Amino acid sequence: MTPKTENQSAFAARLGVNRATVSRAVAAGRVVMADDGKVLIEPSLQRWHETKGHRTDMAEMHAKKRGQTVTNAPRGENAAPDISEGGESNRTRYKALLLHFENQSIKLEIALRRHARYPLEQIKHEATGLGAMLRASIERVIDQTAPRLAVASSKDERRRLLTSELATLRRHLKAEFPAALRRMRKAAP
């Protein structure tokens, strides 16, 4: 049985890329060519997916613009390239993995500088502080309202007292969240 072949234009259409992209891939050895100058489909698809970069988001975006779907299983934006299969392009896979994690590290550093993310230790510290403040406030509400609740004559009076105290507690807690965020921003590098 002879392997299936097609010309470079048809192979480009199969992948959803430009013909020039396939020509560059041929020159780089990412596409397996037959003796007659046509593309061997199965081995070329395998090599194409083994050696492709990790920017599936761009591939999906370009495919969507063309009204096509991406031919491989989509990975998440932060997913590492698959290096599980052995073979001749092992070095390429490890380079892709290295590049992926370097990019993720850079993205994290940018997010930290833009205050879109914060170090876990700072978040734990602020969360502990907020929890302690909430606990102390609830204890204060209990200590200050218990005697007044005991002498209140009606349910409505007790309800108004508790509603008032809880509204004050809610205001203090809402004010503390932005203050915690400001402290984390100030402590960030």
N, C-alpha and C. Protein backbone atom coordinates (compact mmCIF):
# COMPACT_ATOMS: atom_id res chain seq x y z
N MET A 1 0.84 -1.17 0.00
CA MET A 1 0.00 0.00 0.00
C MET A 1 0.89 1.24 0.00
N THR A 2 0.66 2.14 -0.91
CA THR A 2 1.48 3.35 -1.00
C THR A 2 0.96 4.40 -0.03
N PRO A 3 1.89 5.12 0.59
CA PRO A 3 1.45 6.17 1.53
C PRO A 3 0.72 7.30 0.79
N LYS A 4 -0.22 7.91 1.46
CA LYS A 4 -0.99 8.99 0.87
C LYS A 4 -0.14 10.25 0.82
N THR A 5 -0.23 10.94 -0.31
CA THR A 5 0.50 12.19 -0.49
C THR A 5 -0.44 13.27 -1.00
N GLU A 6 0.02 14.51 -0.86
CA GLU A 6 -0.70 15.64 -1.43
C GLU A 6 0.28 16.78 -1.63
N ASN A 7 -0.11 17.74 -2.44
CA ASN A 7 0.80 18.85 -2.67
C ASN A 7 0.83 19.77 -1.45
N GLN A 8 1.75 20.72 -1.43
CA GLN A 8 1.94 21.59 -0.27
C GLN A 8 0.72 22.47 -0.02
N SER A 9 0.06 22.91 -1.05
CA SER A 9 -1.14 23.75 -0.88
C SER A 9 -2.25 22.98 -0.18
N ALA A 10 -2.46 21.74 -0.59
CA ALA A 10 -3.50 20.92 0.04
C ALA A 10 -3.14 20.61 1.49
N PHE A 11 -1.85 20.37 1.74
CA PHE A 11 -1.41 20.10 3.11
C PHE A 11 -1.60 21.35 3.98
N ALA A 12 -1.31 22.52 3.43
CA ALA A 12 -1.51 23.78 4.16
C ALA A 12 -3.00 23.96 4.48
N ALA A 13 -3.86 23.64 3.53
CA ALA A 13 -5.30 23.74 3.77
C ALA A 13 -5.74 22.76 4.86
N ARG A 14 -5.16 21.57 4.86
CA ARG A 14 -5.47 20.56 5.88
C ARG A 14 -5.12 21.08 7.28
N LEU A 15 -3.98 21.75 7.38
CA LEU A 15 -3.54 22.28 8.67
C LEU A 15 -4.20 23.60 9.02
N GLY A 16 -4.73 24.28 8.02
CA GLY A 16 -5.33 25.59 8.27
C GLY A 16 -4.29 26.68 8.37
N VAL A 17 -3.19 26.53 7.62
CA VAL A 17 -2.12 27.53 7.62
C VAL A 17 -1.89 28.01 6.19
N ASN A 18 -1.07 29.01 6.06
CA ASN A 18 -0.71 29.54 4.75
C ASN A 18 0.26 28.59 4.05
N ARG A 19 0.24 28.59 2.73
CA ARG A 19 1.15 27.74 1.97
C ARG A 19 2.60 28.08 2.26
N ALA A 20 2.91 29.36 2.48
CA ALA A 20 4.28 29.78 2.79
C ALA A 20 4.74 29.17 4.12
N THR A 21 3.84 28.98 5.03
CA THR A 21 4.19 28.35 6.32
C THR A 21 4.64 26.91 6.08
N VAL A 22 3.94 26.21 5.21
CA VAL A 22 4.33 24.83 4.89
C VAL A 22 5.68 24.82 4.17
N SER A 23 5.91 25.78 3.28
CA SER A 23 7.20 25.86 2.58
C SER A 23 8.34 26.05 3.57
N ARG A 24 8.13 26.93 4.56
CA ARG A 24 9.16 27.14 5.59
C ARG A 24 9.35 25.87 6.42
N ALA A 25 8.24 25.16 6.70
CA ALA A 25 8.33 23.92 7.47
C ALA A 25 9.08 22.86 6.68
N VAL A 26 8.90 22.81 5.37
CA VAL A 26 9.64 21.87 4.53
C VAL A 26 11.13 22.17 4.62
N ALA A 27 11.48 23.45 4.51
CA ALA A 27 12.89 23.85 4.58
C ALA A 27 13.50 23.55 5.95
N ALA A 28 12.68 23.63 6.99
CA ALA A 28 13.16 23.35 8.35
C ALA A 28 13.14 21.87 8.69
N GLY A 29 12.59 21.04 7.80
CA GLY A 29 12.53 19.60 8.06
C GLY A 29 11.35 19.17 8.90
N ARG A 30 10.35 20.02 9.03
CA ARG A 30 9.18 19.70 9.83
C ARG A 30 8.11 18.96 9.03
N VAL A 31 8.32 18.83 7.72
CA VAL A 31 7.36 18.13 6.85
C VAL A 31 8.13 17.05 6.09
N VAL A 32 7.58 15.85 6.03
CA VAL A 32 8.22 14.72 5.33
C VAL A 32 7.77 14.73 3.87
N MET A 33 8.74 14.77 2.98
CA MET A 33 8.45 14.86 1.55
C MET A 33 8.69 13.50 0.88
N ALA A 34 7.87 13.21 -0.11
CA ALA A 34 8.05 12.01 -0.93
C ALA A 34 9.05 12.32 -2.04
N ASP A 35 9.50 11.28 -2.75
CA ASP A 35 10.47 11.46 -3.83
C ASP A 35 9.91 12.31 -4.96
N ASP A 36 8.61 12.29 -5.16
CA ASP A 36 8.02 13.05 -6.26
C ASP A 36 7.76 14.52 -5.89
N GLY A 37 8.18 14.95 -4.68
CA GLY A 37 8.02 16.35 -4.28
C GLY A 37 6.71 16.64 -3.57
N LYS A 38 5.94 15.62 -3.32
CA LYS A 38 4.67 15.82 -2.61
C LYS A 38 4.86 15.51 -1.12
N VAL A 39 3.92 15.95 -0.33
CA VAL A 39 3.97 15.78 1.13
C VAL A 39 3.40 14.43 1.50
N LEU A 40 4.14 13.65 2.31
CA LEU A 40 3.62 12.41 2.89
C LEU A 40 2.73 12.81 4.06
N ILE A 41 1.45 12.52 3.97
CA ILE A 41 0.48 13.09 4.91
C ILE A 41 0.68 12.63 6.36
N GLU A 42 0.61 11.34 6.62
CA GLU A 42 0.66 10.84 8.00
C GLU A 42 1.96 11.20 8.72
N PRO A 43 3.14 10.88 8.15
CA PRO A 43 4.36 11.24 8.88
C PRO A 43 4.54 12.76 9.02
N SER A 44 4.05 13.51 8.05
CA SER A 44 4.17 14.97 8.12
C SER A 44 3.28 15.53 9.21
N LEU A 45 2.06 15.00 9.33
CA LEU A 45 1.18 15.45 10.41
C LEU A 45 1.79 15.16 11.78
N GLN A 46 2.34 13.95 11.91
CA GLN A 46 2.96 13.58 13.18
C GLN A 46 4.12 14.51 13.50
N ARG A 47 5.01 14.73 12.54
CA ARG A 47 6.16 15.59 12.78
C ARG A 47 5.73 17.04 13.00
N TRP A 48 4.71 17.47 12.29
CA TRP A 48 4.22 18.84 12.44
C TRP A 48 3.78 19.08 13.88
N HIS A 49 3.00 18.14 14.43
CA HIS A 49 2.50 18.32 15.79
C HIS A 49 3.58 18.08 16.84
N GLU A 50 4.56 17.25 16.53
CA GLU A 50 5.67 17.03 17.48
C GLU A 50 6.55 18.25 17.61
N THR A 51 6.72 18.99 16.52
CA THR A 51 7.69 20.08 16.52
C THR A 51 7.06 21.46 16.57
N LYS A 52 5.77 21.51 16.72
CA LYS A 52 5.15 22.83 16.72
C LYS A 52 5.33 23.50 18.07
N GLY A 53 5.26 24.83 18.07
CA GLY A 53 5.41 25.61 19.29
C GLY A 53 4.21 25.42 20.21
N HIS A 54 4.24 26.10 21.33
CA HIS A 54 3.19 25.93 22.33
C HIS A 54 2.10 26.99 22.22
N ARG A 55 2.08 27.80 21.20
CA ARG A 55 1.11 28.88 21.09
C ARG A 55 -0.18 28.39 20.43
N THR A 56 -0.88 27.47 21.08
CA THR A 56 -2.14 26.98 20.53
C THR A 56 -3.20 28.07 20.52
N ASP A 57 -3.04 29.05 21.41
CA ASP A 57 -4.02 30.13 21.43
C ASP A 57 -3.97 30.92 20.13
N MET A 58 -2.78 31.14 19.58
CA MET A 58 -2.65 31.85 18.32
C MET A 58 -3.18 31.00 17.17
N ALA A 59 -2.88 29.71 17.21
CA ALA A 59 -3.37 28.82 16.15
C ALA A 59 -4.89 28.81 16.13
N GLU A 60 -5.50 28.76 17.32
CA GLU A 60 -6.96 28.77 17.40
C GLU A 60 -7.53 30.09 16.92
N MET A 61 -6.86 31.21 17.27
CA MET A 61 -7.34 32.52 16.85
C MET A 61 -7.31 32.64 15.32
N HIS A 62 -6.20 32.23 14.70
CA HIS A 62 -6.09 32.32 13.25
C HIS A 62 -7.08 31.37 12.56
N ALA A 63 -7.25 30.19 13.12
CA ALA A 63 -8.20 29.25 12.54
C ALA A 63 -9.63 29.80 12.63
N LYS A 64 -9.95 30.44 13.75
CA LYS A 64 -11.28 31.01 13.92
C LYS A 64 -11.53 32.10 12.88
N LYS A 65 -10.51 32.91 12.61
CA LYS A 65 -10.65 33.97 11.60
C LYS A 65 -10.93 33.37 10.23
N ARG A 66 -10.35 32.21 9.96
CA ARG A 66 -10.56 31.56 8.66
C ARG A 66 -11.82 30.71 8.64
N GLY A 67 -12.50 30.61 9.79
CA GLY A 67 -13.71 29.81 9.86
C GLY A 67 -13.43 28.32 9.93
N GLN A 68 -12.24 27.95 10.44
CA GLN A 68 -11.88 26.55 10.54
C GLN A 68 -11.68 26.20 12.01
N THR A 69 -11.45 24.92 12.24
CA THR A 69 -11.12 24.48 13.58
C THR A 69 -9.69 23.97 13.59
N VAL A 70 -9.06 24.03 14.74
CA VAL A 70 -7.69 23.53 14.88
C VAL A 70 -7.74 22.02 14.87
N THR A 71 -6.79 21.38 14.17
CA THR A 71 -6.85 19.93 13.99
C THR A 71 -6.34 19.14 15.18
N ASN A 72 -5.70 19.77 16.13
CA ASN A 72 -5.19 19.02 17.28
C ASN A 72 -6.05 19.31 18.50
N ALA A 73 -5.86 18.52 19.54
CA ALA A 73 -6.61 18.73 20.77
C ALA A 73 -6.11 20.00 21.43
N PRO A 74 -6.99 20.93 21.78
CA PRO A 74 -6.54 22.19 22.36
C PRO A 74 -6.02 21.98 23.77
N ARG A 75 -5.01 22.75 24.09
CA ARG A 75 -4.47 22.74 25.44
C ARG A 75 -4.77 24.09 26.06
N GLY A 76 -4.71 24.15 27.37
CA GLY A 76 -4.91 25.41 28.05
C GLY A 76 -3.76 26.36 27.77
N GLU A 77 -3.99 27.63 28.03
CA GLU A 77 -2.97 28.63 27.76
C GLU A 77 -1.70 28.37 28.56
N ASN A 78 -1.86 27.87 29.77
CA ASN A 78 -0.71 27.65 30.62
C ASN A 78 -0.19 26.22 30.59
N ALA A 79 -0.75 25.39 29.71
CA ALA A 79 -0.33 23.99 29.65
C ALA A 79 1.06 23.87 29.04
N ALA A 80 1.84 22.99 29.61
CA ALA A 80 3.20 22.77 29.10
C ALA A 80 3.13 21.92 27.84
N PRO A 81 4.09 22.10 26.94
CA PRO A 81 4.12 21.26 25.74
C PRO A 81 4.29 19.80 26.11
N ASP A 82 3.70 18.91 25.31
CA ASP A 82 3.78 17.48 25.56
C ASP A 82 5.14 16.96 25.11
N ILE A 83 5.92 16.37 26.03
CA ILE A 83 7.23 15.83 25.67
C ILE A 83 7.29 14.34 25.96
N SER A 84 6.13 13.71 26.08
CA SER A 84 6.09 12.32 26.50
C SER A 84 6.61 11.34 25.45
N GLU A 85 6.45 11.66 24.17
CA GLU A 85 6.88 10.72 23.14
C GLU A 85 8.36 10.92 22.84
N GLY A 86 9.07 9.82 22.67
CA GLY A 86 10.49 9.90 22.31
C GLY A 86 10.64 10.13 20.83
N GLY A 87 11.87 10.17 20.37
CA GLY A 87 12.08 10.31 18.94
C GLY A 87 13.20 11.27 18.62
N GLU A 88 13.31 11.56 17.32
CA GLU A 88 14.43 12.37 16.87
C GLU A 88 14.31 13.83 17.24
N SER A 89 13.13 14.29 17.56
CA SER A 89 12.97 15.70 17.88
C SER A 89 12.88 15.93 19.39
N ASN A 90 13.50 15.06 20.16
CA ASN A 90 13.46 15.17 21.61
C ASN A 90 14.04 16.50 22.08
N ARG A 91 15.14 16.92 21.47
CA ARG A 91 15.76 18.19 21.85
C ARG A 91 14.80 19.35 21.58
N THR A 92 14.08 19.28 20.48
CA THR A 92 13.12 20.32 20.15
C THR A 92 12.03 20.39 21.20
N ARG A 93 11.57 19.23 21.63
CA ARG A 93 10.53 19.20 22.66
C ARG A 93 11.01 19.82 23.96
N TYR A 94 12.24 19.47 24.37
CA TYR A 94 12.75 20.01 25.62
C TYR A 94 13.00 21.52 25.51
N LYS A 95 13.40 21.98 24.34
CA LYS A 95 13.56 23.42 24.14
C LYS A 95 12.20 24.11 24.23
N ALA A 96 11.18 23.48 23.67
CA ALA A 96 9.83 24.04 23.74
C ALA A 96 9.35 24.10 25.19
N LEU A 97 9.66 23.07 25.94
CA LEU A 97 9.28 23.03 27.36
C LEU A 97 10.00 24.12 28.13
N LEU A 98 11.29 24.27 27.89
CA LEU A 98 12.07 25.32 28.54
C LEU A 98 11.50 26.69 28.19
N LEU A 99 11.24 26.93 26.92
CA LEU A 99 10.67 28.19 26.48
C LEU A 99 9.32 28.45 27.13
N HIS A 100 8.50 27.40 27.23
CA HIS A 100 7.18 27.54 27.84
C HIS A 100 7.31 28.02 29.29
N PHE A 101 8.17 27.39 30.06
CA PHE A 101 8.28 27.76 31.47
C PHE A 101 8.97 29.11 31.66
N GLU A 102 9.88 29.46 30.77
CA GLU A 102 10.46 30.80 30.82
C GLU A 102 9.37 31.84 30.56
N ASN A 103 8.51 31.57 29.57
CA ASN A 103 7.42 32.50 29.27
C ASN A 103 6.45 32.61 30.44
N GLN A 104 6.14 31.48 31.07
CA GLN A 104 5.24 31.52 32.22
C GLN A 104 5.85 32.32 33.37
N SER A 105 7.15 32.17 33.57
CA SER A 105 7.84 32.92 34.61
C SER A 105 7.78 34.43 34.32
N ILE A 106 7.98 34.79 33.08
CA ILE A 106 7.92 36.20 32.69
C ILE A 106 6.50 36.74 32.88
N LYS A 107 5.49 35.95 32.48
CA LYS A 107 4.10 36.38 32.67
C LYS A 107 3.79 36.60 34.14
N LEU A 108 4.29 35.70 35.00
CA LEU A 108 4.05 35.84 36.43
C LEU A 108 4.72 37.10 36.97
N GLU A 109 5.95 37.35 36.53
CA GLU A 109 6.66 38.55 36.98
C GLU A 109 5.92 39.81 36.54
N ILE A 110 5.42 39.83 35.32
CA ILE A 110 4.66 40.98 34.83
C ILE A 110 3.39 41.16 35.66
N ALA A 111 2.70 40.06 35.94
CA ALA A 111 1.48 40.14 36.75
C ALA A 111 1.77 40.65 38.15
N LEU A 112 2.90 40.25 38.71
CA LEU A 112 3.28 40.74 40.03
C LEU A 112 3.55 42.24 39.99
N ARG A 113 4.25 42.69 38.97
CA ARG A 113 4.57 44.12 38.86
C ARG A 113 3.34 44.97 38.58
N ARG A 114 2.36 44.42 37.86
CA ARG A 114 1.14 45.16 37.56
C ARG A 114 0.12 45.04 38.69
N HIS A 115 0.47 44.34 39.73
CA HIS A 115 -0.40 44.10 40.88
C HIS A 115 -1.65 43.32 40.48
N ALA A 116 -1.51 42.45 39.49
CA ALA A 116 -2.60 41.55 39.13
C ALA A 116 -2.51 40.27 39.95
N ARG A 117 -1.33 39.99 40.48
CA ARG A 117 -1.10 38.84 41.37
C ARG A 117 -0.18 39.29 42.49
N TYR A 118 -0.23 38.53 43.60
CA TYR A 118 0.60 38.84 44.75
C TYR A 118 1.24 37.57 45.26
N PRO A 119 2.39 37.69 45.92
CA PRO A 119 3.03 36.49 46.48
C PRO A 119 2.12 35.83 47.50
N LEU A 120 2.15 34.52 47.53
CA LEU A 120 1.27 33.74 48.40
C LEU A 120 1.47 34.09 49.87
N GLU A 121 2.70 34.33 50.28
CA GLU A 121 2.96 34.65 51.69
C GLU A 121 2.27 35.95 52.10
N GLN A 122 2.28 36.95 51.20
CA GLN A 122 1.59 38.20 51.52
C GLN A 122 0.09 37.99 51.63
N ILE A 123 -0.46 37.18 50.74
CA ILE A 123 -1.90 36.92 50.78
C ILE A 123 -2.27 36.18 52.06
N LYS A 124 -1.46 35.19 52.44
CA LYS A 124 -1.73 34.46 53.68
C LYS A 124 -1.65 35.40 54.88
N HIS A 125 -0.66 36.27 54.88
CA HIS A 125 -0.50 37.22 55.99
C HIS A 125 -1.72 38.14 56.10
N GLU A 126 -2.15 38.70 54.98
CA GLU A 126 -3.31 39.59 54.99
C GLU A 126 -4.59 38.84 55.33
N ALA A 127 -4.74 37.62 54.83
CA ALA A 127 -5.94 36.82 55.14
C ALA A 127 -5.99 36.50 56.63
N THR A 128 -4.85 36.20 57.21
CA THR A 128 -4.80 35.93 58.65
C THR A 128 -5.20 37.19 59.42
N GLY A 129 -4.69 38.32 58.97
CA GLY A 129 -5.04 39.58 59.64
C GLY A 129 -6.52 39.90 59.51
N LEU A 130 -7.08 39.69 58.32
CA LEU A 130 -8.51 39.93 58.13
C LEU A 130 -9.35 38.98 58.97
N GLY A 131 -8.93 37.72 59.04
CA GLY A 131 -9.65 36.75 59.87
C GLY A 131 -9.62 37.12 61.34
N ALA A 132 -8.45 37.56 61.81
CA ALA A 132 -8.33 37.97 63.21
C ALA A 132 -9.19 39.20 63.49
N MET A 133 -9.21 40.15 62.55
CA MET A 133 -10.02 41.34 62.71
C MET A 133 -11.50 40.98 62.74
N LEU A 134 -11.92 40.07 61.87
CA LEU A 134 -13.32 39.64 61.85
C LEU A 134 -13.70 38.95 63.16
N ARG A 135 -12.84 38.09 63.62
CA ARG A 135 -13.13 37.39 64.88
C ARG A 135 -13.23 38.37 66.05
N ALA A 136 -12.29 39.30 66.12
CA ALA A 136 -12.33 40.29 67.20
C ALA A 136 -13.59 41.15 67.11
N SER A 137 -13.99 41.50 65.90
CA SER A 137 -15.19 42.32 65.73
C SER A 137 -16.44 41.57 66.15
N ILE A 138 -16.51 40.30 65.80
CA ILE A 138 -17.67 39.50 66.20
C ILE A 138 -17.71 39.35 67.73
N GLU A 139 -16.55 39.13 68.34
CA GLU A 139 -16.51 39.03 69.80
C GLU A 139 -16.93 40.35 70.44
N ARG A 140 -16.51 41.46 69.81
CA ARG A 140 -16.89 42.78 70.33
C ARG A 140 -18.40 42.95 70.24
N VAL A 141 -18.99 42.55 69.12
CA VAL A 141 -20.44 42.67 68.95
C VAL A 141 -21.15 41.86 70.03
N ILE A 142 -20.66 40.66 70.27
CA ILE A 142 -21.28 39.81 71.30
C ILE A 142 -21.17 40.46 72.67
N ASP A 143 -19.95 40.92 73.00
CA ASP A 143 -19.73 41.51 74.33
C ASP A 143 -20.54 42.78 74.54
N GLN A 144 -20.64 43.60 73.49
CA GLN A 144 -21.33 44.88 73.66
C GLN A 144 -22.84 44.78 73.52
N THR A 145 -23.32 43.82 72.77
CA THR A 145 -24.76 43.75 72.55
C THR A 145 -25.48 42.82 73.53
N ALA A 146 -24.77 41.88 74.11
CA ALA A 146 -25.43 40.93 75.02
C ALA A 146 -26.17 41.64 76.16
N PRO A 147 -25.53 42.58 76.87
CA PRO A 147 -26.27 43.25 77.96
C PRO A 147 -27.47 44.06 77.44
N ARG A 148 -27.29 44.72 76.29
CA ARG A 148 -28.39 45.53 75.74
C ARG A 148 -29.52 44.64 75.23
N LEU A 149 -29.17 43.46 74.68
CA LEU A 149 -30.20 42.54 74.23
C LEU A 149 -31.00 41.99 75.41
N ALA A 150 -30.31 41.79 76.53
CA ALA A 150 -30.97 41.23 77.70
C ALA A 150 -32.03 42.17 78.26
N VAL A 151 -31.80 43.49 78.14
CA VAL A 151 -32.76 44.44 78.69
C VAL A 151 -33.77 44.92 77.64
N ALA A 152 -33.58 44.51 76.36
CA ALA A 152 -34.51 44.93 75.32
C ALA A 152 -35.87 44.31 75.59
N SER A 153 -36.92 45.10 75.35
CA SER A 153 -38.26 44.64 75.71
C SER A 153 -38.99 43.90 74.58
N SER A 154 -38.60 44.13 73.34
CA SER A 154 -39.34 43.48 72.25
C SER A 154 -38.38 42.88 71.21
N LYS A 155 -38.95 42.01 70.39
CA LYS A 155 -38.15 41.39 69.31
C LYS A 155 -37.70 42.44 68.31
N ASP A 156 -38.55 43.39 68.00
CA ASP A 156 -38.19 44.43 67.04
C ASP A 156 -37.00 45.26 67.53
N GLU A 157 -36.98 45.57 68.80
CA GLU A 157 -35.88 46.34 69.38
C GLU A 157 -34.57 45.53 69.31
N ARG A 158 -34.66 44.24 69.61
CA ARG A 158 -33.47 43.38 69.50
C ARG A 158 -32.99 43.29 68.05
N ARG A 159 -33.96 43.13 67.13
CA ARG A 159 -33.61 43.04 65.71
C ARG A 159 -32.93 44.32 65.24
N ARG A 160 -33.46 45.50 65.63
CA ARG A 160 -32.84 46.77 65.24
C ARG A 160 -31.43 46.89 65.80
N LEU A 161 -31.23 46.47 67.03
CA LEU A 161 -29.91 46.54 67.67
C LEU A 161 -28.92 45.64 66.94
N LEU A 162 -29.32 44.39 66.67
CA LEU A 162 -28.43 43.47 65.96
C LEU A 162 -28.16 43.94 64.53
N THR A 163 -29.18 44.45 63.85
CA THR A 163 -29.01 44.94 62.49
C THR A 163 -28.03 46.11 62.47
N SER A 164 -28.14 46.99 63.41
CA SER A 164 -27.25 48.15 63.50
C SER A 164 -25.80 47.70 63.75
N GLU A 165 -25.62 46.80 64.70
CA GLU A 165 -24.26 46.33 65.01
C GLU A 165 -23.65 45.56 63.85
N LEU A 166 -24.45 44.74 63.19
CA LEU A 166 -23.92 43.98 62.05
C LEU A 166 -23.61 44.88 60.85
N ALA A 167 -24.39 45.94 60.67
CA ALA A 167 -24.09 46.90 59.60
C ALA A 167 -22.76 47.59 59.87
N THR A 168 -22.52 47.93 61.13
CA THR A 168 -21.23 48.54 61.50
C THR A 168 -20.09 47.57 61.24
N LEU A 169 -20.29 46.33 61.63
CA LEU A 169 -19.27 45.29 61.39
C LEU A 169 -19.00 45.14 59.89
N ARG A 170 -20.08 45.11 59.09
CA ARG A 170 -19.94 44.98 57.64
C ARG A 170 -19.15 46.16 57.06
N ARG A 171 -19.43 47.39 57.51
CA ARG A 171 -18.71 48.58 57.03
C ARG A 171 -17.23 48.49 57.36
N HIS A 172 -16.91 48.07 58.57
CA HIS A 172 -15.49 47.95 58.96
C HIS A 172 -14.77 46.90 58.12
N LEU A 173 -15.44 45.79 57.89
CA LEU A 173 -14.83 44.72 57.09
C LEU A 173 -14.64 45.16 55.64
N LYS A 174 -15.65 45.84 55.07
CA LYS A 174 -15.52 46.34 53.69
C LYS A 174 -14.38 47.35 53.57
N ALA A 175 -14.18 48.15 54.58
CA ALA A 175 -13.10 49.14 54.55
C ALA A 175 -11.73 48.48 54.69
N GLU A 176 -11.71 47.33 55.32
CA GLU A 176 -10.42 46.66 55.57
C GLU A 176 -9.87 45.98 54.31
N PHE A 177 -10.72 45.52 53.40
CA PHE A 177 -10.24 44.86 52.18
C PHE A 177 -9.38 45.79 51.33
N PRO A 178 -9.83 47.00 51.01
CA PRO A 178 -8.94 47.90 50.23
C PRO A 178 -7.65 48.24 50.99
N ALA A 179 -7.75 48.35 52.30
CA ALA A 179 -6.55 48.65 53.09
C ALA A 179 -5.55 47.49 52.98
N ALA A 180 -6.05 46.26 53.00
CA ALA A 180 -5.17 45.09 52.85
C ALA A 180 -4.54 45.08 51.46
N LEU A 181 -5.32 45.43 50.45
CA LEU A 181 -4.79 45.49 49.09
C LEU A 181 -3.72 46.57 48.97
N ARG A 182 -3.93 47.70 49.59
CA ARG A 182 -2.92 48.78 49.58
C ARG A 182 -1.64 48.32 50.27
N ARG A 183 -1.77 47.61 51.38
CA ARG A 183 -0.58 47.11 52.08
C ARG A 183 0.20 46.13 51.21
N MET A 184 -0.54 45.25 50.48
CA MET A 184 0.16 44.30 49.60
C MET A 184 0.85 45.01 48.45
N ARG A 185 0.20 46.05 47.89
CA ARG A 185 0.82 46.81 46.81
C ARG A 185 2.07 47.53 47.29
N LYS A 186 1.99 48.07 48.50
CA LYS A 186 3.14 48.80 49.05
C LYS A 186 4.31 47.87 49.31
N ALA A 187 4.02 46.64 49.73
CA ALA A 187 5.07 45.67 50.05
C ALA A 187 5.63 44.99 48.81
N ALA A 188 4.92 45.07 47.69
CA ALA A 188 5.37 44.39 46.46
C ALA A 188 6.61 45.07 45.90
N PRO A 189 7.49 44.29 45.25
CA PRO A 189 8.72 44.87 44.70
C PRO A 189 8.48 45.83 43.56
